């Protein structure tokens, strides 16, 4: 799996702008390249973000999710793992202090995976 560098930079910036709250979006693209995110209104707090699944557009290929951790924890919580299993196969956590390398990618089970930045 690959992700566009400009998209990743934008996701880090959004996480920074929404701090101290979490940011959550769905990831989409084509031909194995994550090219866009789908922002759907969600409930947020200092340690959670919940999505209303009825607002997901029909027919969109969802590769996974992205969300921020206002703490500096780069690893998924038990609640994150539950979300991961519901949406796609690539899940990105952007964590404080929201620097260029302050993110990790995970599979649906929460294992760290490598994705190529293109």
PDB file of N, CA and C in Angstrom:
ATOM      1  N   UNK A   1       0.846  -1.170   0.000  1.00  0.00           N
ATOM      2  CA  UNK A   1       0.000   0.000   0.000  1.00  0.00           C
ATOM      3  C   UNK A   1       0.893   1.236   0.000  1.00  0.00           C
ATOM      4  N   UNK A   2       0.397   2.302  -0.627  1.00  0.00           N
ATOM      5  CA  UNK A   2       1.132   3.561  -0.719  1.00  0.00           C
ATOM      6  C   UNK A   2       0.208   4.701  -0.300  1.00  0.00           C
ATOM      7  N   UNK A   3       0.828   5.840   0.072  1.00  0.00           N
ATOM      8  CA  UNK A   3       0.073   7.041   0.396  1.00  0.00           C
ATOM      9  C   UNK A   3       0.792   8.235  -0.217  1.00  0.00           C
ATOM     10  N   UNK A   4       0.026   9.149  -0.733  1.00  0.00           N
ATOM     11  CA  UNK A   4       0.609  10.358  -1.322  1.00  0.00           C
ATOM     12  C   UNK A   4       1.211  11.225  -0.218  1.00  0.00           C
ATOM     13  N   UNK A   5       2.391  11.753  -0.476  1.00  0.00           N
ATOM     14  CA  UNK A   5       3.088  12.557   0.537  1.00  0.00           C
ATOM     15  C   UNK A   5       2.320  13.823   0.878  1.00  0.00           C
ATOM     16  N   UNK A   6       1.703  14.473  -0.110  1.00  0.00           N
ATOM     17  CA  UNK A   6       0.958  15.700   0.171  1.00  0.00           C
ATOM     18  C   UNK A   6      -0.266  15.419   1.036  1.00  0.00           C
ATOM     19  N   UNK A   7      -0.874  14.254   0.842  1.00  0.00           N
ATOM     20  CA  UNK A   7      -2.004  13.878   1.691  1.00  0.00           C
ATOM     21  C   UNK A   7      -1.533  13.653   3.121  1.00  0.00           C
ATOM     22  N   UNK A   8      -0.449  12.927   3.286  1.00  0.00           N
ATOM     23  CA  UNK A   8       0.072  12.662   4.622  1.00  0.00           C
ATOM     24  C   UNK A   8       0.431  13.968   5.335  1.00  0.00           C
ATOM     25  N   UNK A   9       1.073  14.886   4.637  1.00  0.00           N
ATOM     26  CA  UNK A   9       1.402  16.189   5.223  1.00  0.00           C
ATOM     27  C   UNK A   9       0.134  16.927   5.643  1.00  0.00           C
ATOM     28  N   UNK A  10      -0.902  16.860   4.819  1.00  0.00           N
ATOM     29  CA  UNK A  10      -2.173  17.499   5.156  1.00  0.00           C
ATOM     30  C   UNK A  10      -2.830  16.876   6.372  1.00  0.00           C
ATOM     31  N   UNK A  11      -2.756  15.569   6.493  1.00  0.00           N
ATOM     32  CA  UNK A  11      -3.344  14.889   7.650  1.00  0.00           C
ATOM     33  C   UNK A  11      -2.628  15.277   8.937  1.00  0.00           C
ATOM     34  N   UNK A  12      -1.303  15.411   8.873  1.00  0.00           N
ATOM     35  CA  UNK A  12      -0.540  15.857  10.043  1.00  0.00           C
ATOM     36  C   UNK A  12      -0.963  17.277  10.421  1.00  0.00           C
ATOM     37  N   UNK A  13      -1.150  18.135   9.436  1.00  0.00           N
ATOM     38  CA  UNK A  13      -1.560  19.522   9.703  1.00  0.00           C
ATOM     39  C   UNK A  13      -2.966  19.572  10.308  1.00  0.00           C
ATOM     40  N   UNK A  14      -3.880  18.760   9.805  1.00  0.00           N
ATOM     41  CA  UNK A  14      -5.233  18.724  10.370  1.00  0.00           C
ATOM     42  C   UNK A  14      -5.184  18.260  11.824  1.00  0.00           C
ATOM     43  N   UNK A  15      -4.382  17.250  12.105  1.00  0.00           N
ATOM     44  CA  UNK A  15      -4.243  16.774  13.483  1.00  0.00           C
ATOM     45  C   UNK A  15      -3.728  17.889  14.384  1.00  0.00           C
ATOM     46  N   UNK A  16      -2.760  18.641  13.890  1.00  0.00           N
ATOM     47  CA  UNK A  16      -2.199  19.758  14.655  1.00  0.00           C
ATOM     48  C   UNK A  16      -3.277  20.827  14.916  1.00  0.00           C
ATOM     49  N   UNK A  17      -4.069  21.124  13.900  1.00  0.00           N
ATOM     50  CA  UNK A  17      -5.096  22.160  14.025  1.00  0.00           C
ATOM     51  C   UNK A  17      -6.245  21.757  14.942  1.00  0.00           C
ATOM     52  N   UNK A  18      -6.541  20.478  15.042  1.00  0.00           N
ATOM     53  CA  UNK A  18      -7.653  20.043  15.887  1.00  0.00           C
ATOM     54  C   UNK A  18      -7.227  19.751  17.330  1.00  0.00           C
ATOM     55  N   UNK A  19      -5.925  19.758  17.592  1.00  0.00           N
ATOM     56  CA  UNK A  19      -5.405  19.523  18.944  1.00  0.00           C
ATOM     57  C   UNK A  19      -6.032  20.509  19.923  1.00  0.00           C
ATOM     58  N   UNK A  20      -6.504  20.118  21.085  1.00  0.00           N
ATOM     59  CA  UNK A  20      -6.266  18.867  21.800  1.00  0.00           C
ATOM     60  C   UNK A  20      -7.327  17.799  21.551  1.00  0.00           C
ATOM     61  N   UNK A  21      -8.129  17.970  20.510  1.00  0.00           N
ATOM     62  CA  UNK A  21      -9.155  16.979  20.202  1.00  0.00           C
ATOM     63  C   UNK A  21      -8.657  16.009  19.138  1.00  0.00           C
ATOM     64  N   UNK A  22      -9.307  14.857  19.077  1.00  0.00           N
ATOM     65  CA  UNK A  22      -8.964  13.883  18.056  1.00  0.00           C
ATOM     66  C   UNK A  22      -9.581  14.269  16.721  1.00  0.00           C
ATOM     67  N   UNK A  23      -8.914  13.876  15.662  1.00  0.00           N
ATOM     68  CA  UNK A  23      -9.385  14.016  14.291  1.00  0.00           C
ATOM     69  C   UNK A  23      -9.594  12.599  13.763  1.00  0.00           C
ATOM     70  N   UNK A  24     -10.642  12.390  12.971  1.00  0.00           N
ATOM     71  CA  UNK A  24     -10.919  11.071  12.410  1.00  0.00           C
ATOM     72  C   UNK A  24     -11.423  11.227  10.984  1.00  0.00           C
ATOM     73  N   UNK A  25     -10.927  10.388  10.072  1.00  0.00           N
ATOM     74  CA  UNK A  25     -11.405  10.383   8.689  1.00  0.00           C
ATOM     75  C   UNK A  25     -11.190   9.000   8.091  1.00  0.00           C
ATOM     76  N   UNK A  26     -11.850   8.764   6.988  1.00  0.00           N
ATOM     77  CA  UNK A  26     -11.681   7.532   6.234  1.00  0.00           C
ATOM     78  C   UNK A  26     -10.695   7.782   5.101  1.00  0.00           C
ATOM     79  N   UNK A  27      -9.957   6.759   4.727  1.00  0.00           N
ATOM     80  CA  UNK A  27      -8.965   6.865   3.660  1.00  0.00           C
ATOM     81  C   UNK A  27      -9.466   6.150   2.414  1.00  0.00           C
ATOM     82  N   UNK A  28      -9.278   6.788   1.259  1.00  0.00           N
ATOM     83  CA  UNK A  28      -9.704   6.204  -0.003  1.00  0.00           C
ATOM     84  C   UNK A  28      -8.669   6.502  -1.077  1.00  0.00           C
ATOM     85  N   UNK A  29      -8.816   5.874  -2.203  1.00  0.00           N
ATOM     86  CA  UNK A  29      -7.879   6.072  -3.301  1.00  0.00           C
ATOM     87  C   UNK A  29      -8.178   5.097  -4.409  1.00  0.00           C
ATOM     88  N   UNK A  30      -7.147   4.782  -5.186  1.00  0.00           N
ATOM     89  CA  UNK A  30      -7.317   3.817  -6.260  1.00  0.00           C
ATOM     90  C   UNK A  30      -5.991   3.145  -6.563  1.00  0.00           C
ATOM     91  N   UNK A  31      -6.099   1.934  -7.068  1.00  0.00           N
ATOM     92  CA  UNK A  31      -4.936   1.147  -7.477  1.00  0.00           C
ATOM     93  C   UNK A  31      -3.871   1.033  -6.384  1.00  0.00           C
ATOM     94  N   UNK A  32      -4.317   0.852  -5.142  1.00  0.00           N
ATOM     95  CA  UNK A  32      -3.383   0.639  -4.044  1.00  0.00           C
ATOM     96  C   UNK A  32      -2.693   1.889  -3.535  1.00  0.00           C
ATOM     97  N   UNK A  33      -3.147   3.067  -3.957  1.00  0.00           N
ATOM     98  CA  UNK A  33      -2.558   4.323  -3.490  1.00  0.00           C
ATOM     99  C   UNK A  33      -3.629   5.124  -2.754  1.00  0.00           C
ATOM    100  N   UNK A  34      -3.352   5.443  -1.495  1.00  0.00           N
ATOM    101  CA  UNK A  34      -4.257   6.287  -0.718  1.00  0.00           C
ATOM    102  C   UNK A  34      -4.051   7.718  -1.199  1.00  0.00           C
ATOM    103  N   UNK A  35      -5.124   8.295  -1.745  1.00  0.00           N
ATOM    104  CA  UNK A  35      -5.026   9.613  -2.369  1.00  0.00           C
ATOM    105  C   UNK A  35      -5.875  10.684  -1.704  1.00  0.00           C
ATOM    106  N   UNK A  36      -6.878  10.268  -0.947  1.00  0.00           N
ATOM    107  CA  UNK A  36      -7.818  11.224  -0.370  1.00  0.00           C
ATOM    108  C   UNK A  36      -8.291  10.739   0.995  1.00  0.00           C
ATOM    109  N   UNK A  37      -8.861  11.674   1.725  1.00  0.00           N
ATOM    110  CA  UNK A  37      -9.566  11.288   2.941  1.00  0.00           C
ATOM    111  C   UNK A  37     -10.998  11.780   2.832  1.00  0.00           C
ATOM    112  N   UNK A  38     -11.873  11.079   3.511  1.00  0.00           N
ATOM    113  CA  UNK A  38     -13.280  11.456   3.570  1.00  0.00           C
ATOM    114  C   UNK A  38     -13.569  11.866   5.001  1.00  0.00           C
ATOM    115  N   UNK A  39     -13.824  13.132   5.171  1.00  0.00           N
ATOM    116  CA  UNK A  39     -14.140  13.657   6.500  1.00  0.00           C
ATOM    117  C   UNK A  39     -15.651  13.565   6.673  1.00  0.00           C
ATOM    118  N   UNK A  40     -16.060  12.847   7.673  1.00  0.00           N
ATOM    119  CA  UNK A  40     -17.473  12.707   7.997  1.00  0.00           C
ATOM    120  C   UNK A  40     -17.663  13.282   9.396  1.00  0.00           C
ATOM    121  N   UNK A  41     -18.705  14.096   9.599  1.00  0.00           N
ATOM    122  CA  UNK A  41     -18.916  14.648  10.939  1.00  0.00           C
ATOM    123  C   UNK A  41     -18.874  13.550  11.997  1.00  0.00           C
ATOM    124  N   UNK A  42     -18.240  13.860  13.100  1.00  0.00           N
ATOM    125  CA  UNK A  42     -18.101  12.874  14.161  1.00  0.00           C
ATOM    126  C   UNK A  42     -18.144  13.565  15.509  1.00  0.00           C
ATOM    127  N   UNK A  43     -18.405  12.769  16.537  1.00  0.00           N
ATOM    128  CA  UNK A  43     -18.335  13.250  17.910  1.00  0.00           C
ATOM    129  C   UNK A  43     -16.880  13.179  18.324  1.00  0.00           C
ATOM    130  N   UNK A  44     -16.401  14.202  19.027  1.00  0.00           N
ATOM    131  CA  UNK A  44     -15.001  14.186  19.431  1.00  0.00           C
ATOM    132  C   UNK A  44     -14.845  14.692  20.854  1.00  0.00           C
ATOM    133  N   UNK A  45     -13.752  14.267  21.445  1.00  0.00           N
ATOM    134  CA  UNK A  45     -13.377  14.694  22.770  1.00  0.00           C
ATOM    135  C   UNK A  45     -11.876  14.610  22.901  1.00  0.00           C
ATOM    136  N   UNK A  46     -11.369  14.821  24.088  1.00  0.00           N
ATOM    137  CA  UNK A  46      -9.924  14.812  24.273  1.00  0.00           C
ATOM    138  C   UNK A  46      -9.330  13.413  24.158  1.00  0.00           C
ATOM    139  N   UNK A  47     -10.170  12.379  24.253  1.00  0.00           N
ATOM    140  CA  UNK A  47      -9.624  11.023  24.118  1.00  0.00           C
ATOM    141  C   UNK A  47     -10.513  10.080  23.314  1.00  0.00           C
ATOM    142  N   UNK A  48     -11.359  10.637  22.435  1.00  0.00           N
ATOM    143  CA  UNK A  48     -12.175   9.777  21.589  1.00  0.00           C
ATOM    144  C   UNK A  48     -12.647  10.523  20.345  1.00  0.00           C
ATOM    145  N   UNK A  49     -13.009   9.757  19.337  1.00  0.00           N
ATOM    146  CA  UNK A  49     -13.677  10.265  18.143  1.00  0.00           C
ATOM    147  C   UNK A  49     -14.602   9.169  17.649  1.00  0.00           C
ATOM    148  N   UNK A  50     -15.878   9.461  17.528  1.00  0.00           N
ATOM    149  CA  UNK A  50     -16.847   8.463  17.097  1.00  0.00           C
ATOM    150  C   UNK A  50     -17.522   8.889  15.805  1.00  0.00           C
ATOM    151  N   UNK A  51     -17.688   7.952  14.877  1.00  0.00           N
ATOM    152  CA  UNK A  51     -18.240   8.248  13.558  1.00  0.00           C
ATOM    153  C   UNK A  51     -19.632   7.651  13.408  1.00  0.00           C
ATOM    154  N   UNK A  52     -20.503   8.378  12.714  1.00  0.00           N
ATOM    155  CA  UNK A  52     -21.830   7.888  12.376  1.00  0.00           C
ATOM    156  C   UNK A  52     -21.714   7.177  11.028  1.00  0.00           C
ATOM    157  N   UNK A  53     -21.724   5.857  11.024  1.00  0.00           N
ATOM    158  CA  UNK A  53     -21.481   5.085   9.808  1.00  0.00           C
ATOM    159  C   UNK A  53     -22.554   5.278   8.741  1.00  0.00           C
ATOM    160  N   UNK A  54     -23.721   5.760   9.108  1.00  0.00           N
ATOM    161  CA  UNK A  54     -24.767   5.984   8.101  1.00  0.00           C
ATOM    162  C   UNK A  54     -24.418   7.143   7.161  1.00  0.00           C
ATOM    163  N   UNK A  55     -23.411   7.945   7.508  1.00  0.00           N
ATOM    164  CA  UNK A  55     -23.011   9.071   6.672  1.00  0.00           C
ATOM    165  C   UNK A  55     -21.922   8.720   5.654  1.00  0.00           C
ATOM    166  N   UNK A  56     -21.453   7.484   5.647  1.00  0.00           N
ATOM    167  CA  UNK A  56     -20.420   7.071   4.694  1.00  0.00           C
ATOM    168  C   UNK A  56     -21.049   6.959   3.312  1.00  0.00           C
ATOM    169  N   UNK A  57     -20.482   7.641   2.311  1.00  0.00           N
ATOM    170  CA  UNK A  57     -21.053   7.574   0.961  1.00  0.00           C
ATOM    171  C   UNK A  57     -21.064   6.139   0.419  1.00  0.00           C
ATOM    172  N   UNK A  58     -22.124   5.785  -0.259  1.00  0.00           N
ATOM    173  CA  UNK A  58     -22.268   4.454  -0.846  1.00  0.00           C
ATOM    174  C   UNK A  58     -21.345   4.347  -2.065  1.00  0.00           C
ATOM    175  N   UNK A  59     -20.717   3.208  -2.238  1.00  0.00           N
ATOM    176  CA  UNK A  59     -19.899   2.959  -3.405  1.00  0.00           C
ATOM    177  C   UNK A  59     -18.467   3.446  -3.322  1.00  0.00           C
ATOM    178  N   UNK A  60     -18.060   3.975  -2.196  1.00  0.00           N
ATOM    179  CA  UNK A  60     -16.691   4.465  -2.009  1.00  0.00           C
ATOM    180  C   UNK A  60     -15.825   3.315  -1.510  1.00  0.00           C
ATOM    181  N   UNK A  61     -14.652   3.133  -2.111  1.00  0.00           N
ATOM    182  CA  UNK A  61     -13.710   2.125  -1.634  1.00  0.00           C
ATOM    183  C   UNK A  61     -12.964   2.706  -0.442  1.00  0.00           C
ATOM    184  N   UNK A  62     -13.151   2.103   0.702  1.00  0.00           N
ATOM    185  CA  UNK A  62     -12.486   2.553   1.923  1.00  0.00           C
ATOM    186  C   UNK A  62     -11.251   1.684   2.139  1.00  0.00           C
ATOM    187  N   UNK A  63     -10.069   2.309   2.097  1.00  0.00           N
ATOM    188  CA  UNK A  63      -8.821   1.584   2.361  1.00  0.00           C
ATOM    189  C   UNK A  63      -8.545   1.465   3.849  1.00  0.00           C
ATOM    190  N   UNK A  64      -9.076   2.407   4.637  1.00  0.00           N
ATOM    191  CA  UNK A  64      -8.835   2.368   6.072  1.00  0.00           C
ATOM    192  C   UNK A  64      -9.220   3.674   6.724  1.00  0.00           C
ATOM    193  N   UNK A  65      -8.558   3.964   7.839  1.00  0.00           N
ATOM    194  CA  UNK A  65      -8.881   5.156   8.627  1.00  0.00           C
ATOM    195  C   UNK A  65      -7.611   5.923   8.974  1.00  0.00           C
ATOM    196  N   UNK A  66      -7.820   7.148   9.395  1.00  0.00           N
ATOM    197  CA  UNK A  66      -6.756   7.954   9.974  1.00  0.00           C
ATOM    198  C   UNK A  66      -7.360   8.694  11.158  1.00  0.00           C
ATOM    199  N   UNK A  67      -6.618   8.765  12.228  1.00  0.00           N
ATOM    200  CA  UNK A  67      -7.048   9.595  13.348  1.00  0.00           C
ATOM    201  C   UNK A  67      -5.827  10.060  14.122  1.00  0.00           C
ATOM    202  N   UNK A  68      -6.069  11.041  14.963  1.00  0.00           N
ATOM    203  CA  UNK A  68      -4.960  11.593  15.744  1.00  0.00           C
ATOM    204  C   UNK A  68      -5.056  11.155  17.193  1.00  0.00           C
ATOM    205  N   UNK A  69      -3.903  11.156  17.822  1.00  0.00           N
ATOM    206  CA  UNK A  69      -3.804  10.961  19.265  1.00  0.00           C
ATOM    207  C   UNK A  69      -3.209  12.239  19.853  1.00  0.00           C
ATOM    208  N   UNK A  70      -4.005  13.013  20.579  1.00  0.00           N
ATOM    209  CA  UNK A  70      -3.482  14.225  21.204  1.00  0.00           C
ATOM    210  C   UNK A  70      -2.373  13.945  22.220  1.00  0.00           C
ATOM    211  N   UNK A  71      -2.320  12.720  22.704  1.00  0.00           N
ATOM    212  CA  UNK A  71      -1.189  12.325  23.541  1.00  0.00           C
ATOM    213  C   UNK A  71      -0.049  11.973  22.596  1.00  0.00           C
ATOM    214  N   UNK A  72       1.087  11.643  23.106  1.00  0.00           N
ATOM    215  CA  UNK A  72       2.176  11.260  22.215  1.00  0.00           C
ATOM    216  C   UNK A  72       2.217   9.753  21.980  1.00  0.00           C
ATOM    217  N   UNK A  73       1.133   9.058  22.290  1.00  0.00           N
ATOM    218  CA  UNK A  73       1.073   7.609  22.079  1.00  0.00           C
ATOM    219  C   UNK A  73       0.870   7.298  20.600  1.00  0.00           C
ATOM    220  N   UNK A  74       1.802   6.575  20.000  1.00  0.00           N
ATOM    221  CA  UNK A  74       1.654   6.219  18.590  1.00  0.00           C
ATOM    222  C   UNK A  74       0.937   4.889  18.362  1.00  0.00           C
ATOM    223  N   UNK A  75       0.422   4.278  19.421  1.00  0.00           N
ATOM    224  CA  UNK A  75      -0.143   2.939  19.309  1.00  0.00           C
ATOM    225  C   UNK A  75      -1.652   2.936  19.530  1.00  0.00           C
ATOM    226  N   UNK A  76      -2.363   1.985  18.914  1.00  0.00           N
ATOM    227  CA  UNK A  76      -3.820   1.942  19.026  1.00  0.00           C
ATOM    228  C   UNK A  76      -4.300   1.505  20.404  1.00  0.00           C
ATOM    229  N   UNK A  77      -5.403   2.099  20.801  1.00  0.00           N
ATOM    230  CA  UNK A  77      -6.085   1.704  22.032  1.00  0.00           C
ATOM    231  C   UNK A  77      -7.014   0.533  21.715  1.00  0.00           C
ATOM    232  N   UNK A  78      -7.579  -0.126  22.725  1.00  0.00           N
ATOM    233  CA  UNK A  78      -8.560  -1.183  22.461  1.00  0.00           C
ATOM    234  C   UNK A  78      -9.740  -0.678  21.617  1.00  0.00           C
ATOM    235  N   UNK A  79     -10.180   0.554  21.860  1.00  0.00           N
ATOM    236  CA  UNK A  79     -11.272   1.129  21.062  1.00  0.00           C
ATOM    237  C   UNK A  79     -10.834   1.339  19.610  1.00  0.00           C
ATOM    238  N   UNK A  80      -9.578   1.767  19.408  1.00  0.00           N
ATOM    239  CA  UNK A  80      -9.041   1.912  18.048  1.00  0.00           C
ATOM    240  C   UNK A  80      -9.081   0.575  17.320  1.00  0.00           C
ATOM    241  N   UNK A  81      -8.671  -0.490  17.996  1.00  0.00           N
ATOM    242  CA  UNK A  81      -8.650  -1.811  17.372  1.00  0.00           C
ATOM    243  C   UNK A  81     -10.043  -2.244  16.926  1.00  0.00           C
ATOM    244  N   UNK A  82     -11.040  -1.893  17.699  1.00  0.00           N
ATOM    245  CA  UNK A  82     -12.418  -2.194  17.324  1.00  0.00           C
ATOM    246  C   UNK A  82     -12.799  -1.448  16.047  1.00  0.00           C
ATOM    247  N   UNK A  83     -12.404  -0.193  15.951  1.00  0.00           N
ATOM    248  CA  UNK A  83     -12.666   0.602  14.746  1.00  0.00           C
ATOM    249  C   UNK A  83     -11.896   0.049  13.558  1.00  0.00           C
ATOM    250  N   UNK A  84     -10.638  -0.314  13.767  1.00  0.00           N
ATOM    251  CA  UNK A  84      -9.806  -0.851  12.691  1.00  0.00           C
ATOM    252  C   UNK A  84     -10.475  -2.050  12.022  1.00  0.00           C
ATOM    253  N   UNK A  85     -11.067  -2.919  12.820  1.00  0.00           N
ATOM    254  CA  UNK A  85     -11.659  -4.137  12.270  1.00  0.00           C
ATOM    255  C   UNK A  85     -12.900  -3.854  11.431  1.00  0.00           C
ATOM    256  N   UNK A  86     -13.424  -2.627  11.513  1.00  0.00           N
ATOM    257  CA  UNK A  86     -14.650  -2.277  10.784  1.00  0.00           C
ATOM    258  C   UNK A  86     -14.408  -1.560   9.461  1.00  0.00           C
ATOM    259  N   UNK A  87     -13.207  -0.994   9.264  1.00  0.00           N
ATOM    260  CA  UNK A  87     -12.974  -0.146   8.096  1.00  0.00           C
ATOM    261  C   UNK A  87     -11.640  -0.446   7.425  1.00  0.00           C
ATOM    262  N   UNK A  88     -11.644  -1.204   6.371  1.00  0.00           N
ATOM    263  CA  UNK A  88     -10.457  -1.355   5.545  1.00  0.00           C
ATOM    264  C   UNK A  88      -9.298  -2.072   6.193  1.00  0.00           C
ATOM    265  N   UNK A  89      -8.112  -1.891   5.569  1.00  0.00           N
ATOM    266  CA  UNK A  89      -6.949  -2.655   6.001  1.00  0.00           C
ATOM    267  C   UNK A  89      -5.745  -1.820   6.401  1.00  0.00           C
ATOM    268  N   UNK A  90      -5.808  -0.491   6.252  1.00  0.00           N
ATOM    269  CA  UNK A  90      -4.697   0.388   6.626  1.00  0.00           C
ATOM    270  C   UNK A  90      -5.224   1.456   7.569  1.00  0.00           C
ATOM    271  N   UNK A  91      -4.552   1.605   8.698  1.00  0.00           N
ATOM    272  CA  UNK A  91      -5.014   2.562   9.705  1.00  0.00           C
ATOM    273  C   UNK A  91      -3.819   3.385  10.176  1.00  0.00           C
ATOM    274  N   UNK A  92      -3.970   4.687  10.067  1.00  0.00           N
ATOM    275  CA  UNK A  92      -2.872   5.592  10.413  1.00  0.00           C
ATOM    276  C   UNK A  92      -3.233   6.352  11.677  1.00  0.00           C
ATOM    277  N   UNK A  93      -2.284   6.397  12.602  1.00  0.00           N
ATOM    278  CA  UNK A  93      -2.417   7.223  13.800  1.00  0.00           C
ATOM    279  C   UNK A  93      -1.356   8.310  13.716  1.00  0.00           C
ATOM    280  N   UNK A  94      -1.818   9.555  13.734  1.00  0.00           N
ATOM    281  CA  UNK A  94      -0.935  10.719  13.779  1.00  0.00           C
ATOM    282  C   UNK A  94      -0.919  11.172  15.232  1.00  0.00           C
ATOM    283  N   UNK A  95       0.269  11.297  15.822  1.00  0.00           N
ATOM    284  CA  UNK A  95       0.315  11.595  17.254  1.00  0.00           C
ATOM    285  C   UNK A  95       1.096  12.888  17.537  1.00  0.00           C
ATOM    286  N   UNK A  96       0.783  13.443  18.689  1.00  0.00           N
ATOM    287  CA  UNK A  96       1.461  14.644  19.167  1.00  0.00           C
ATOM    288  C   UNK A  96       2.955  14.377  19.270  1.00  0.00           C
ATOM    289  N   UNK A  97       3.817  15.269  18.860  1.00  0.00           N
ATOM    290  CA  UNK A  97       3.623  16.690  18.550  1.00  0.00           C
ATOM    291  C   UNK A  97       3.337  16.981  17.077  1.00  0.00           C
ATOM    292  N   UNK A  98       2.857  15.987  16.326  1.00  0.00           N
ATOM    293  CA  UNK A  98       2.418  16.168  14.947  1.00  0.00           C
ATOM    294  C   UNK A  98       3.546  16.637  14.022  1.00  0.00           C
ATOM    295  N   UNK A  99       4.650  15.961  14.090  1.00  0.00           N
ATOM    296  CA  UNK A  99       5.785  16.269  13.220  1.00  0.00           C
ATOM    297  C   UNK A  99       5.711  15.402  11.955  1.00  0.00           C
ATOM    298  N   UNK A 100       6.628  15.607  11.064  1.00  0.00           N
ATOM    299  CA  UNK A 100       6.654  14.879   9.798  1.00  0.00           C
ATOM    300  C   UNK A 100       6.663  13.360   9.996  1.00  0.00           C
ATOM    301  N   UNK A 101       7.345  12.900  11.027  1.00  0.00           N
ATOM    302  CA  UNK A 101       7.446  11.459  11.283  1.00  0.00           C
ATOM    303  C   UNK A 101       6.620  10.988  12.477  1.00  0.00           C
ATOM    304  N   UNK A 102       5.669  11.782  12.904  1.00  0.00           N
ATOM    305  CA  UNK A 102       4.850  11.446  14.070  1.00  0.00           C
ATOM    306  C   UNK A 102       3.580  10.710  13.646  1.00  0.00           C
ATOM    307  N   UNK A 103       3.773   9.573  12.997  1.00  0.00           N
ATOM    308  CA  UNK A 103       2.650   8.745  12.582  1.00  0.00           C
ATOM    309  C   UNK A 103       3.118   7.302  12.433  1.00  0.00           C
ATOM    310  N   UNK A 104       2.157   6.400  12.564  1.00  0.00           N
ATOM    311  CA  UNK A 104       2.395   4.975  12.341  1.00  0.00           C
ATOM    312  C   UNK A 104       1.217   4.413  11.568  1.00  0.00           C
ATOM    313  N   UNK A 105       1.470   3.361  10.821  1.00  0.00           N
ATOM    314  CA  UNK A 105       0.415   2.657  10.096  1.00  0.00           C
ATOM    315  C   UNK A 105       0.259   1.262  10.695  1.00  0.00           C
ATOM    316  N   UNK A 106      -0.984   0.801  10.711  1.00  0.00           N
ATOM    317  CA  UNK A 106      -1.319  -0.482  11.314  1.00  0.00           C
ATOM    318  C   UNK A 106      -2.261  -1.258  10.396  1.00  0.00           C
ATOM    319  N   UNK A 107      -2.239  -2.580  10.532  1.00  0.00           N
ATOM    320  CA  UNK A 107      -3.230  -3.395   9.839  1.00  0.00           C
ATOM    321  C   UNK A 107      -4.485  -3.467  10.718  1.00  0.00           C
ATOM    322  N   UNK A 108      -5.468  -4.232  10.269  1.00  0.00           N
ATOM    323  CA  UNK A 108      -6.748  -4.309  10.991  1.00  0.00           C
ATOM    324  C   UNK A 108      -6.646  -4.941  12.370  1.00  0.00           C
ATOM    325  N   UNK A 109      -5.566  -5.686  12.624  1.00  0.00           N
ATOM    326  CA  UNK A 109      -5.371  -6.299  13.939  1.00  0.00           C
ATOM    327  C   UNK A 109      -4.486  -5.444  14.860  1.00  0.00           C
ATOM    328  N   UNK A 110      -4.004  -4.314  14.370  1.00  0.00           N
ATOM    329  CA  UNK A 110      -3.190  -3.438  15.177  1.00  0.00           C
ATOM    330  C   UNK A 110      -1.695  -3.687  15.074  1.00  0.00           C
ATOM    331  N   UNK A 111      -1.279  -4.497  14.113  1.00  0.00           N
ATOM    332  CA  UNK A 111       0.151  -4.731  13.887  1.00  0.00           C
ATOM    333  C   UNK A 111       0.739  -3.591  13.063  1.00  0.00           C
ATOM    334  N   UNK A 112       1.922  -3.133  13.432  1.00  0.00           N
ATOM    335  CA  UNK A 112       2.589  -2.081  12.679  1.00  0.00           C
ATOM    336  C   UNK A 112       2.891  -2.593  11.277  1.00  0.00           C
ATOM    337  N   UNK A 113       2.579  -1.766  10.280  1.00  0.00           N
ATOM    338  CA  UNK A 113       2.886  -2.106   8.883  1.00  0.00           C
ATOM    339  C   UNK A 113       3.617  -0.929   8.248  1.00  0.00           C
ATOM    340  N   UNK A 114       4.304  -1.219   7.177  1.00  0.00           N
ATOM    341  CA  UNK A 114       4.986  -0.188   6.396  1.00  0.00           C
ATOM    342  C   UNK A 114       4.116   0.185   5.216  1.00  0.00           C
ATOM    343  N   UNK A 115       3.958   1.488   4.992  1.00  0.00           N
ATOM    344  CA  UNK A 115       3.337   1.944   3.761  1.00  0.00           C
ATOM    345  C   UNK A 115       4.294   2.925   3.110  1.00  0.00           C
ATOM    346  N   UNK A 116       4.352   2.870   1.814  1.00  0.00           N
ATOM    347  CA  UNK A 116       5.284   3.708   1.059  1.00  0.00           C
ATOM    348  C   UNK A 116       4.686   5.084   0.853  1.00  0.00           C
ATOM    349  N   UNK A 117       5.477   6.115   1.120  1.00  0.00           N
ATOM    350  CA  UNK A 117       5.064   7.502   0.896  1.00  0.00           C
ATOM    351  C   UNK A 117       5.552   7.881  -0.492  1.00  0.00           C
ATOM    352  N   UNK A 118       4.621   8.257  -1.383  1.00  0.00           N
ATOM    353  CA  UNK A 118       4.965   8.576  -2.760  1.00  0.00           C
ATOM    354  C   UNK A 118       4.585  10.003  -3.131  1.00  0.00           C
TER     355      UNK A 118
END
